[in-house]
Amino acid sequence: MPTFTARIGKNWIMRCVIVPAGVMRSLGGGLRIPVVASYAGEKVLTTVMPAGQKRGRLVVLMDILRPAGLDTGDRLEVTLTRSTAPREPVVPADLKRALQFRPAAREAFEQGPPSMRRWMIRHIEEARRAGTRQARVDLILERLVERPRPRAAKAQASDPAPRPLDEPPFQSHPCLGAVGTAPRQTQRPPGS
């Protein structure tokens, strides 16, 4: 269980720490390493992403940092353990049934990363009413079908249809907002 101390940085709206190359080697290397991260008295199942120069980037949660009085610029002690827990979520019956009738959505769902599938399933499971749950299943299927094609396919497409500016992008992570909501836009002061 490698332990290291790093300064909390900010990557867009997320807080993260850089995992040293030596720690990455001790975790067995790889591009995306599933880990259990312990920091600020809490444990989180997460993934260390590549950060260049054989280092990794670990996103740390504000829900854990805030109560500990930590934020950007503070030093954080982190202990990482490689996770062997299964990463594949259990697909609920209603979503599985809906995916059977939408092959394009099923293909996009299966090709997406496990974190996206887990988030979609959690979003469906959090619905309290049957009507809300069904609306979420329908919206997720719609968003899966309109997901962008891989870059190679984009280059070969003869007439790519750009997304209208007023339409929200597919939101695949809770940091980006709820499914179907547009990202928050800030107003710039006049003359900037």
Protein backbone atom coordinates (compact mmCIF):
# COMPACT_ATOMS: atom_id res chain seq x y z
CA MET A 1 0.00 0.00 0.00
CA PRO A 2 1.98 2.99 -1.22
CA THR A 3 1.42 6.24 0.63
CA PHE A 4 2.43 9.66 -0.70
CA THR A 5 1.77 13.31 0.01
CA ALA A 6 0.87 15.68 -2.81
CA ARG A 7 -0.49 19.18 -3.31
CA ILE A 8 -4.16 19.33 -4.31
CA GLY A 9 -4.51 20.81 -7.79
CA LYS A 10 -7.50 21.94 -9.80
CA ASN A 11 -8.35 20.42 -13.18
CA TRP A 12 -11.33 22.37 -14.53
CA ILE A 13 -13.79 22.09 -11.61
CA MET A 14 -12.33 18.89 -10.18
CA ARG A 15 -9.67 18.61 -7.50
CA CYS A 16 -6.88 16.14 -8.11
CA VAL A 17 -3.42 15.07 -6.95
CA ILE A 18 -0.53 13.87 -9.07
CA VAL A 19 0.54 10.32 -8.25
CA PRO A 20 4.36 9.96 -8.42
CA ALA A 21 5.92 7.57 -10.97
CA GLY A 22 7.29 5.34 -8.18
CA VAL A 23 3.80 4.86 -6.75
CA MET A 24 2.47 4.06 -10.23
CA ARG A 25 5.16 1.37 -10.61
CA SER A 26 4.32 -0.11 -7.22
CA LEU A 27 0.65 -0.33 -8.30
CA GLY A 28 1.72 -2.42 -11.30
CA GLY A 29 1.61 0.32 -13.94
CA GLY A 30 -0.98 0.64 -16.67
CA LEU A 31 -3.04 3.46 -18.13
CA ARG A 32 -6.10 3.35 -15.92
CA ILE A 33 -5.47 1.65 -12.60
CA PRO A 34 -8.48 0.75 -10.43
CA VAL A 35 -7.64 1.64 -6.82
CA VAL A 36 -9.03 2.13 -3.35
CA ALA A 37 -7.82 5.60 -2.34
CA SER A 38 -7.68 6.55 1.35
CA TYR A 39 -7.44 10.25 2.19
CA ALA A 40 -8.87 12.64 4.80
CA GLY A 41 -10.12 9.66 6.81
CA GLU A 42 -12.26 8.21 3.99
CA LYS A 43 -11.89 5.40 1.43
CA VAL A 44 -13.03 5.73 -2.18
CA LEU A 45 -13.13 3.23 -5.05
CA THR A 46 -11.72 5.15 -8.03
CA THR A 47 -9.28 5.05 -10.95
CA VAL A 48 -5.84 6.60 -11.38
CA MET A 49 -5.63 8.15 -14.84
CA PRO A 50 -2.44 8.90 -16.82
CA ALA A 51 -0.87 12.32 -16.24
CA GLY A 52 2.29 12.09 -18.38
CA GLN A 53 5.90 11.35 -17.48
CA LYS A 54 4.82 7.96 -16.02
CA ARG A 55 2.83 9.75 -13.33
CA GLY A 56 -0.88 9.41 -12.58
CA ARG A 57 -3.76 11.75 -11.79
CA LEU A 58 -6.18 10.93 -9.00
CA VAL A 59 -9.41 12.92 -8.73
CA VAL A 60 -10.22 13.66 -5.07
CA LEU A 61 -13.77 14.37 -4.00
CA MET A 62 -14.81 17.73 -2.57
CA ASP A 63 -17.42 15.89 -0.48
CA ILE A 64 -14.47 14.45 1.44
CA LEU A 65 -12.07 17.41 1.25
CA ARG A 66 -14.54 20.11 2.34
CA PRO A 67 -15.36 18.63 5.80
CA ALA A 68 -11.60 18.17 6.37
CA GLY A 69 -11.05 21.86 5.54
CA LEU A 70 -8.90 21.04 2.48
CA ASP A 71 -8.90 22.58 -0.99
CA THR A 72 -6.62 23.59 -3.87
CA GLY A 73 -3.02 24.20 -2.78
CA ASP A 74 -3.23 22.16 0.45
CA ARG A 75 -1.11 19.05 0.91
CA LEU A 76 -2.97 15.73 1.13
CA GLU A 77 -1.69 12.35 2.28
CA VAL A 78 -3.04 9.55 0.10
CA THR A 79 -2.76 5.77 0.44
CA LEU A 80 -3.54 3.71 -2.67
CA THR A 81 -4.32 0.01 -2.94
CA ARG A 82 -4.90 -1.67 -6.28
CA SER A 83 -8.54 -2.72 -6.45
CA THR A 84 -9.53 -6.22 -7.49
CA ALA A 85 -13.26 -5.59 -7.04
CA PRO A 86 -15.35 -6.14 -10.18
CA ARG A 87 -15.82 -2.86 -12.05
CA GLU A 88 -18.75 -3.96 -14.18
CA PRO A 89 -22.12 -2.77 -12.82
CA VAL A 90 -25.23 -4.97 -12.69
CA VAL A 91 -27.64 -3.72 -15.37
CA PRO A 92 -31.22 -3.38 -14.06
CA ALA A 93 -33.88 -5.44 -15.83
CA ASP A 94 -35.77 -2.45 -17.28
CA LEU A 95 -32.62 -0.98 -18.85
CA LYS A 96 -31.53 -4.40 -20.14
CA ARG A 97 -34.95 -4.91 -21.74
CA ALA A 98 -34.89 -1.44 -23.33
CA LEU A 99 -31.38 -2.01 -24.72
CA GLN A 100 -32.55 -5.21 -26.44
CA PHE A 101 -34.80 -3.16 -28.73
CA ARG A 102 -32.24 -0.42 -29.46
CA PRO A 103 -29.12 -2.09 -30.96
CA ALA A 104 -27.30 1.22 -31.52
CA ALA A 105 -27.86 2.22 -27.89
CA ARG A 106 -26.80 -1.24 -26.68
CA GLU A 107 -23.57 -1.01 -28.70
CA ALA A 108 -22.80 2.47 -27.33
CA PHE A 109 -23.58 1.29 -23.79
CA GLU A 110 -21.29 -1.74 -24.09
CA GLN A 111 -18.45 0.28 -25.67
CA GLY A 112 -18.56 3.06 -23.07
CA PRO A 113 -16.27 2.99 -20.05
CA PRO A 114 -17.42 1.22 -16.87
CA SER A 115 -17.63 4.56 -15.04
CA MET A 116 -20.21 5.79 -17.58
CA ARG A 117 -22.26 2.61 -17.22
CA ARG A 118 -22.10 2.81 -13.41
CA TRP A 119 -23.22 6.45 -13.49
CA MET A 120 -26.15 5.70 -15.83
CA ILE A 121 -27.29 2.79 -13.69
CA ARG A 122 -26.97 4.85 -10.49
CA HIS A 123 -28.97 7.65 -12.15
CA ILE A 124 -31.77 5.19 -12.98
CA GLU A 125 -31.67 3.49 -9.56
CA GLU A 126 -31.98 6.83 -7.72
CA ALA A 127 -35.41 7.52 -9.25
CA ARG A 128 -38.12 7.25 -6.60
CA ARG A 129 -41.14 6.92 -8.87
CA ALA A 130 -41.70 4.43 -11.71
CA GLY A 131 -42.53 7.26 -14.14
CA THR A 132 -39.30 9.08 -13.34
CA ARG A 133 -37.34 5.85 -13.70
CA GLN A 134 -38.84 5.15 -17.13
CA ALA A 135 -38.19 8.73 -18.25
CA ARG A 136 -34.55 8.35 -17.22
CA VAL A 137 -34.22 5.06 -19.11
CA ASP A 138 -35.71 6.68 -22.22
CA LEU A 139 -33.44 9.72 -21.97
CA ILE A 140 -30.32 7.59 -21.48
CA LEU A 141 -31.21 5.47 -24.52
CA GLU A 142 -31.68 8.65 -26.56
CA ARG A 143 -28.34 10.07 -25.39
CA LEU A 144 -26.53 6.80 -26.08
CA VAL A 145 -27.71 6.82 -29.69
CA GLU A 146 -26.49 10.38 -30.24
CA ARG A 147 -23.06 9.85 -28.64
CA PRO A 148 -20.22 11.12 -30.82
CA ARG A 149 -18.48 8.65 -33.09
CA PRO A 150 -14.82 7.74 -32.53
CA ARG A 151 -12.34 10.14 -34.14
CA ALA A 152 -11.41 7.79 -36.98
CA ALA A 153 -15.06 7.45 -37.94
CA LYS A 154 -15.51 11.23 -37.73
CA ALA A 155 -12.70 11.81 -40.22
CA GLN A 156 -14.30 9.40 -42.69
CA ALA A 157 -17.82 10.80 -42.36
CA SER A 158 -18.78 12.75 -45.44
CA ASP A 159 -21.37 15.01 -43.81
CA PRO A 160 -20.95 15.19 -40.04
CA ALA A 161 -23.92 16.92 -38.44
CA PRO A 162 -22.78 19.39 -35.79
CA ARG A 163 -24.71 19.57 -32.53
CA PRO A 164 -26.86 22.71 -32.28
CA LEU A 165 -25.42 25.23 -29.83
CA ASP A 166 -28.57 25.29 -27.71
CA GLU A 167 -28.61 21.48 -27.24
CA PRO A 168 -26.84 20.12 -24.15
CA PRO A 169 -24.06 17.58 -24.66
CA PHE A 170 -24.34 14.05 -23.32
CA GLN A 171 -23.60 14.28 -19.62
CA SER A 172 -21.78 11.12 -18.54
CA HIS A 173 -20.47 12.18 -15.16
CA PRO A 174 -22.03 13.73 -12.07
CA CYS A 175 -19.45 16.54 -12.12
CA LEU A 176 -20.96 17.74 -15.38
CA GLY A 177 -24.54 17.99 -14.13
CA ALA A 178 -27.63 15.85 -14.48
CA VAL A 179 -28.51 14.10 -17.71
CA GLY A 180 -30.30 16.49 -20.02
CA THR A 181 -29.10 19.68 -18.38
CA ALA A 182 -26.83 22.14 -20.10
CA PRO A 183 -23.52 22.98 -18.46
CA ARG A 184 -23.59 26.15 -16.39
CA GLN A 185 -22.41 29.13 -18.42
CA THR A 186 -20.79 32.15 -16.85
CA GLN A 187 -21.28 35.70 -18.05
CA ARG A 188 -18.17 37.65 -18.95
CA PRO A 189 -18.05 41.29 -17.93
CA PRO A 190 -18.41 43.74 -20.82
CA GLY A 191 -15.14 44.62 -22.51
CA SER A 192 -13.26 41.42 -21.56
